[in-house]
């Protein structure tokens, strides 16, 4: 093995025998693309194995970050509605800021409160649906916001369970290749000698 390949194997073993190419290139101070040539050669000598997987890197859109900071529009409107009991749609559309909303968030808040069965519009007035437990509804909406928080900067193997947040355009999703490298038993035996 030439010096760089020896350093690659040595670093892999020091790090427990398995590491991502990103971590390896960072710890060796090498460019990942030039490192791949050495890794392919070491793999052909059966000294290590390369595993390629795809995952999804999640970031919040600008809107997602705003909702994380301020609360979802339906959450803010529900809090205001719980305080005042009912709101005329004209008033809501004329002065949305009184209810913690920007003008473009009014239809979003209304749609999601109605879809969740939390509020109804009757004769131009928005009201809580009879029997609505405000605390429970706020807990549920808070859970959606917590999920949003947990996804910021996450890397996931699957997009399962992200439907609503994706449909609402609150997430930016980028498919990325994750390449990891492991030393083989043959390599460990040779290195011990």
C-alpha atoms as a PDB file:
ATOM      1  CA  UNK A   1       0.000   0.000   0.000  1.00  0.00           C
ATOM      2  CA  UNK A   2       1.244   3.460  -0.705  1.00  0.00           C
ATOM      3  CA  UNK A   3       1.295   6.012   2.114  1.00  0.00           C
ATOM      4  CA  UNK A   4      -2.130   7.574   1.479  1.00  0.00           C
ATOM      5  CA  UNK A   5      -3.859   4.187   1.276  1.00  0.00           C
ATOM      6  CA  UNK A   6      -2.119   3.127   4.487  1.00  0.00           C
ATOM      7  CA  UNK A   7      -3.406   6.323   6.181  1.00  0.00           C
ATOM      8  CA  UNK A   8      -6.926   5.543   4.897  1.00  0.00           C
ATOM      9  CA  UNK A   9      -6.858   2.031   6.376  1.00  0.00           C
ATOM     10  CA  UNK A  10      -5.276   3.270   9.613  1.00  0.00           C
ATOM     11  CA  UNK A  11      -7.954   5.987  10.026  1.00  0.00           C
ATOM     12  CA  UNK A  12     -10.729   3.484   9.325  1.00  0.00           C
ATOM     13  CA  UNK A  13      -9.428   1.111  11.983  1.00  0.00           C
ATOM     14  CA  UNK A  14      -8.933   3.927  14.519  1.00  0.00           C
ATOM     15  CA  UNK A  15     -12.563   5.010  13.923  1.00  0.00           C
ATOM     16  CA  UNK A  16     -13.995   1.563  14.641  1.00  0.00           C
ATOM     17  CA  UNK A  17     -13.715   0.047  11.184  1.00  0.00           C
ATOM     18  CA  UNK A  18     -16.610   1.925   9.540  1.00  0.00           C
ATOM     19  CA  UNK A  19     -16.918   5.571   8.539  1.00  0.00           C
ATOM     20  CA  UNK A  20     -18.637   7.755   5.943  1.00  0.00           C
ATOM     21  CA  UNK A  21     -16.574   9.017   3.017  1.00  0.00           C
ATOM     22  CA  UNK A  22     -17.360  12.586   4.141  1.00  0.00           C
ATOM     23  CA  UNK A  23     -15.904  11.954   7.616  1.00  0.00           C
ATOM     24  CA  UNK A  24     -12.913  10.102   6.184  1.00  0.00           C
ATOM     25  CA  UNK A  25     -12.078  12.839   3.672  1.00  0.00           C
ATOM     26  CA  UNK A  26     -12.466  15.468   6.377  1.00  0.00           C
ATOM     27  CA  UNK A  27     -10.198  13.685   8.864  1.00  0.00           C
ATOM     28  CA  UNK A  28      -7.539  13.084   6.173  1.00  0.00           C
ATOM     29  CA  UNK A  29      -7.858  16.566   4.689  1.00  0.00           C
ATOM     30  CA  UNK A  30      -8.543  15.140   1.228  1.00  0.00           C
ATOM     31  CA  UNK A  31     -11.119  15.859  -1.450  1.00  0.00           C
ATOM     32  CA  UNK A  32     -13.813  13.114  -1.489  1.00  0.00           C
ATOM     33  CA  UNK A  33     -13.519  12.597  -5.269  1.00  0.00           C
ATOM     34  CA  UNK A  34      -9.761  11.955  -5.160  1.00  0.00           C
ATOM     35  CA  UNK A  35     -10.254   9.713  -2.123  1.00  0.00           C
ATOM     36  CA  UNK A  36     -12.724   7.559  -4.081  1.00  0.00           C
ATOM     37  CA  UNK A  37      -9.962   6.380  -6.447  1.00  0.00           C
ATOM     38  CA  UNK A  38      -7.955   5.043  -3.502  1.00  0.00           C
ATOM     39  CA  UNK A  39     -11.064   3.501  -1.948  1.00  0.00           C
ATOM     40  CA  UNK A  40     -11.948   1.708  -5.207  1.00  0.00           C
ATOM     41  CA  UNK A  41      -8.401   0.328  -5.410  1.00  0.00           C
ATOM     42  CA  UNK A  42      -8.505  -0.819  -1.764  1.00  0.00           C
ATOM     43  CA  UNK A  43     -11.894  -2.430  -2.394  1.00  0.00           C
ATOM     44  CA  UNK A  44     -10.506  -4.309  -5.426  1.00  0.00           C
ATOM     45  CA  UNK A  45      -7.754  -5.661  -3.115  1.00  0.00           C
ATOM     46  CA  UNK A  46     -10.513  -6.847  -0.713  1.00  0.00           C
ATOM     47  CA  UNK A  47      -9.191  -4.616   2.061  1.00  0.00           C
ATOM     48  CA  UNK A  48     -12.398  -2.649   2.469  1.00  0.00           C
ATOM     49  CA  UNK A  49     -15.969  -2.576   1.268  1.00  0.00           C
ATOM     50  CA  UNK A  50     -17.893   0.430  -0.002  1.00  0.00           C
ATOM     51  CA  UNK A  51     -21.607   0.746   0.709  1.00  0.00           C
ATOM     52  CA  UNK A  52     -23.777   3.213  -1.185  1.00  0.00           C
ATOM     53  CA  UNK A  53     -27.189   4.256   0.158  1.00  0.00           C
ATOM     54  CA  UNK A  54     -29.520   7.078  -0.663  1.00  0.00           C
ATOM     55  CA  UNK A  55     -31.111   9.246   1.957  1.00  0.00           C
ATOM     56  CA  UNK A  56     -33.048  12.481   2.056  1.00  0.00           C
ATOM     57  CA  UNK A  57     -31.620  15.658   3.557  1.00  0.00           C
ATOM     58  CA  UNK A  58     -34.408  17.808   4.959  1.00  0.00           C
ATOM     59  CA  UNK A  59     -34.379  21.576   5.342  1.00  0.00           C
ATOM     60  CA  UNK A  60     -37.235  23.922   6.126  1.00  0.00           C
ATOM     61  CA  UNK A  61     -38.519  26.300   3.485  1.00  0.00           C
ATOM     62  CA  UNK A  62     -38.723  29.974   4.401  1.00  0.00           C
ATOM     63  CA  UNK A  63     -42.408  29.435   5.202  1.00  0.00           C
ATOM     64  CA  UNK A  64     -41.587  26.351   7.316  1.00  0.00           C
ATOM     65  CA  UNK A  65     -39.010  28.317   9.324  1.00  0.00           C
ATOM     66  CA  UNK A  66     -41.509  31.163   9.856  1.00  0.00           C
ATOM     67  CA  UNK A  67     -44.191  28.746  11.076  1.00  0.00           C
ATOM     68  CA  UNK A  68     -41.698  27.105  13.384  1.00  0.00           C
ATOM     69  CA  UNK A  69     -40.889  30.470  14.933  1.00  0.00           C
ATOM     70  CA  UNK A  70     -44.411  31.977  15.079  1.00  0.00           C
ATOM     71  CA  UNK A  71     -46.605  28.885  15.134  1.00  0.00           C
ATOM     72  CA  UNK A  72     -48.729  27.436  12.364  1.00  0.00           C
ATOM     73  CA  UNK A  73     -51.351  29.906  11.044  1.00  0.00           C
ATOM     74  CA  UNK A  74     -54.214  27.672  12.236  1.00  0.00           C
ATOM     75  CA  UNK A  75     -52.563  27.418  15.656  1.00  0.00           C
ATOM     76  CA  UNK A  76     -52.337  31.208  15.992  1.00  0.00           C
ATOM     77  CA  UNK A  77     -55.921  31.691  14.790  1.00  0.00           C
ATOM     78  CA  UNK A  78     -57.189  28.983  17.150  1.00  0.00           C
ATOM     79  CA  UNK A  79     -55.549  30.730  20.123  1.00  0.00           C
ATOM     80  CA  UNK A  80     -57.193  34.017  19.138  1.00  0.00           C
ATOM     81  CA  UNK A  81     -60.524  32.302  18.512  1.00  0.00           C
ATOM     82  CA  UNK A  82     -60.391  30.604  21.924  1.00  0.00           C
ATOM     83  CA  UNK A  83     -60.032  34.045  23.531  1.00  0.00           C
ATOM     84  CA  UNK A  84     -62.765  35.881  21.610  1.00  0.00           C
ATOM     85  CA  UNK A  85     -65.188  33.027  20.882  1.00  0.00           C
ATOM     86  CA  UNK A  86     -66.024  33.976  17.302  1.00  0.00           C
ATOM     87  CA  UNK A  87     -64.648  36.172  14.541  1.00  0.00           C
ATOM     88  CA  UNK A  88     -66.345  37.759  11.569  1.00  0.00           C
ATOM     89  CA  UNK A  89     -64.623  36.795   8.327  1.00  0.00           C
ATOM     90  CA  UNK A  90     -64.677  40.399   7.125  1.00  0.00           C
ATOM     91  CA  UNK A  91     -62.869  41.510  10.270  1.00  0.00           C
ATOM     92  CA  UNK A  92     -60.384  38.646   9.956  1.00  0.00           C
ATOM     93  CA  UNK A  93     -59.624  39.519   6.330  1.00  0.00           C
ATOM     94  CA  UNK A  94     -59.488  43.273   6.995  1.00  0.00           C
ATOM     95  CA  UNK A  95     -57.237  43.100  10.088  1.00  0.00           C
ATOM     96  CA  UNK A  96     -55.495  39.703  10.152  1.00  0.00           C
ATOM     97  CA  UNK A  97     -52.680  41.013  12.350  1.00  0.00           C
ATOM     98  CA  UNK A  98     -55.164  41.347  15.252  1.00  0.00           C
ATOM     99  CA  UNK A  99     -55.331  37.553  15.136  1.00  0.00           C
ATOM    100  CA  UNK A 100     -51.589  36.993  14.759  1.00  0.00           C
ATOM    101  CA  UNK A 101     -51.739  36.396  11.012  1.00  0.00           C
ATOM    102  CA  UNK A 102     -50.383  37.891   7.820  1.00  0.00           C
ATOM    103  CA  UNK A 103     -53.009  38.504   5.112  1.00  0.00           C
ATOM    104  CA  UNK A 104     -51.840  35.527   2.990  1.00  0.00           C
ATOM    105  CA  UNK A 105     -52.086  33.213   6.019  1.00  0.00           C
ATOM    106  CA  UNK A 106     -55.830  33.770   6.582  1.00  0.00           C
ATOM    107  CA  UNK A 107     -57.048  31.252   3.959  1.00  0.00           C
ATOM    108  CA  UNK A 108     -54.397  28.750   5.113  1.00  0.00           C
ATOM    109  CA  UNK A 109     -55.530  29.009   8.736  1.00  0.00           C
ATOM    110  CA  UNK A 110     -59.219  28.762   7.817  1.00  0.00           C
ATOM    111  CA  UNK A 111     -58.681  25.748   5.543  1.00  0.00           C
ATOM    112  CA  UNK A 112     -56.702  23.784   8.147  1.00  0.00           C
ATOM    113  CA  UNK A 113     -59.049  24.572  11.053  1.00  0.00           C
ATOM    114  CA  UNK A 114     -61.998  23.439   8.925  1.00  0.00           C
ATOM    115  CA  UNK A 115     -60.214  20.341   7.608  1.00  0.00           C
ATOM    116  CA  UNK A 116     -59.352  19.261  11.148  1.00  0.00           C
ATOM    117  CA  UNK A 117     -62.948  19.834  12.253  1.00  0.00           C
ATOM    118  CA  UNK A 118     -61.903  22.427  14.842  1.00  0.00           C
ATOM    119  CA  UNK A 119     -63.852  25.437  13.538  1.00  0.00           C
ATOM    120  CA  UNK A 120     -66.735  26.190  11.187  1.00  0.00           C
ATOM    121  CA  UNK A 121     -67.936  29.229   9.276  1.00  0.00           C
ATOM    122  CA  UNK A 122     -71.615  30.052   9.690  1.00  0.00           C
ATOM    123  CA  UNK A 123     -73.177  33.139   8.110  1.00  0.00           C
ATOM    124  CA  UNK A 124     -69.788  34.836   7.679  1.00  0.00           C
ATOM    125  CA  UNK A 125     -68.659  34.100  11.259  1.00  0.00           C
ATOM    126  CA  UNK A 126     -65.844  31.755  12.256  1.00  0.00           C
ATOM    127  CA  UNK A 127     -66.638  29.752  15.409  1.00  0.00           C
ATOM    128  CA  UNK A 128     -65.231  26.798  17.259  1.00  0.00           C
ATOM    129  CA  UNK A 129     -67.105  23.622  16.364  1.00  0.00           C
ATOM    130  CA  UNK A 130     -69.287  22.605  19.329  1.00  0.00           C
ATOM    131  CA  UNK A 131     -67.463  20.116  21.540  1.00  0.00           C
ATOM    132  CA  UNK A 132     -64.008  21.218  20.391  1.00  0.00           C
ATOM    133  CA  UNK A 133     -61.380  20.735  23.097  1.00  0.00           C
ATOM    134  CA  UNK A 134     -59.118  23.734  22.457  1.00  0.00           C
ATOM    135  CA  UNK A 135     -56.288  22.399  24.625  1.00  0.00           C
ATOM    136  CA  UNK A 136     -56.326  19.068  22.767  1.00  0.00           C
ATOM    137  CA  UNK A 137     -56.418  20.801  19.364  1.00  0.00           C
ATOM    138  CA  UNK A 138     -53.514  23.061  20.365  1.00  0.00           C
ATOM    139  CA  UNK A 139     -51.562  20.016  21.578  1.00  0.00           C
ATOM    140  CA  UNK A 140     -52.114  18.309  18.228  1.00  0.00           C
ATOM    141  CA  UNK A 141     -51.010  21.385  16.282  1.00  0.00           C
ATOM    142  CA  UNK A 142     -48.031  21.792  18.623  1.00  0.00           C
ATOM    143  CA  UNK A 143     -47.095  18.202  17.794  1.00  0.00           C
ATOM    144  CA  UNK A 144     -47.051  19.067  14.100  1.00  0.00           C
ATOM    145  CA  UNK A 145     -44.766  22.010  14.855  1.00  0.00           C
ATOM    146  CA  UNK A 146     -42.507  19.748  16.978  1.00  0.00           C
ATOM    147  CA  UNK A 147     -42.267  17.372  14.033  1.00  0.00           C
ATOM    148  CA  UNK A 148     -41.249  20.310  11.855  1.00  0.00           C
ATOM    149  CA  UNK A 149     -38.549  21.216  14.398  1.00  0.00           C
ATOM    150  CA  UNK A 150     -37.231  17.638  14.524  1.00  0.00           C
ATOM    151  CA  UNK A 151     -36.893  17.536  10.735  1.00  0.00           C
ATOM    152  CA  UNK A 152     -34.740  20.658  10.418  1.00  0.00           C
ATOM    153  CA  UNK A 153     -31.386  19.444   9.057  1.00  0.00           C
ATOM    154  CA  UNK A 154     -32.379  15.769   9.394  1.00  0.00           C
ATOM    155  CA  UNK A 155     -31.234  12.976   7.114  1.00  0.00           C
ATOM    156  CA  UNK A 156     -33.890  10.318   6.586  1.00  0.00           C
ATOM    157  CA  UNK A 157     -33.886   6.984   4.781  1.00  0.00           C
ATOM    158  CA  UNK A 158     -37.577   7.336   3.916  1.00  0.00           C
ATOM    159  CA  UNK A 159     -40.055  10.170   3.361  1.00  0.00           C
ATOM    160  CA  UNK A 160     -42.792   8.226   5.133  1.00  0.00           C
ATOM    161  CA  UNK A 161     -44.922  10.317   7.473  1.00  0.00           C
ATOM    162  CA  UNK A 162     -44.024  13.676   5.900  1.00  0.00           C
ATOM    163  CA  UNK A 163     -47.141  13.980   3.734  1.00  0.00           C
ATOM    164  CA  UNK A 164     -48.850  16.996   5.276  1.00  0.00           C
ATOM    165  CA  UNK A 165     -45.648  18.982   5.784  1.00  0.00           C
ATOM    166  CA  UNK A 166     -44.594  18.249   2.192  1.00  0.00           C
ATOM    167  CA  UNK A 167     -48.017  19.127   0.738  1.00  0.00           C
ATOM    168  CA  UNK A 168     -47.935  22.427   2.579  1.00  0.00           C
ATOM    169  CA  UNK A 169     -44.522  23.255   1.093  1.00  0.00           C
ATOM    170  CA  UNK A 170     -42.804  23.548   4.480  1.00  0.00           C
ATOM    171  CA  UNK A 171     -39.905  21.218   3.630  1.00  0.00           C
ATOM    172  CA  UNK A 172     -37.094  21.254   1.083  1.00  0.00           C
ATOM    173  CA  UNK A 173     -36.030  17.683   0.357  1.00  0.00           C
ATOM    174  CA  UNK A 174     -32.804  16.752  -1.359  1.00  0.00           C
ATOM    175  CA  UNK A 175     -31.917  13.164  -2.251  1.00  0.00           C
ATOM    176  CA  UNK A 176     -28.265  12.517  -1.425  1.00  0.00           C
ATOM    177  CA  UNK A 177     -25.967   9.539  -1.788  1.00  0.00           C
ATOM    178  CA  UNK A 178     -24.379   8.358   1.442  1.00  0.00           C
ATOM    179  CA  UNK A 179     -21.222   6.356   0.930  1.00  0.00           C
ATOM    180  CA  UNK A 180     -19.639   4.536   3.828  1.00  0.00           C
ATOM    181  CA  UNK A 181     -16.483   2.457   3.971  1.00  0.00           C
ATOM    182  CA  UNK A 182     -15.710  -0.568   6.168  1.00  0.00           C
ATOM    183  CA  UNK A 183     -12.515  -2.529   6.628  1.00  0.00           C
ATOM    184  CA  UNK A 184     -12.673  -6.244   5.875  1.00  0.00           C
ATOM    185  CA  UNK A 185     -11.461  -9.081   8.126  1.00  0.00           C
ATOM    186  CA  UNK A 186      -8.585  -9.647   5.680  1.00  0.00           C
ATOM    187  CA  UNK A 187      -7.513  -6.040   6.148  1.00  0.00           C
ATOM    188  CA  UNK A 188      -7.684  -6.291   9.955  1.00  0.00           C
ATOM    189  CA  UNK A 189      -5.501  -9.416   9.891  1.00  0.00           C
ATOM    190  CA  UNK A 190      -2.922  -7.795   7.608  1.00  0.00           C
ATOM    191  CA  UNK A 191      -2.889  -4.631   9.703  1.00  0.00           C
ATOM    192  CA  UNK A 192      -2.268  -6.592  12.927  1.00  0.00           C
ATOM    193  CA  UNK A 193       0.924  -8.138  11.457  1.00  0.00           C
END
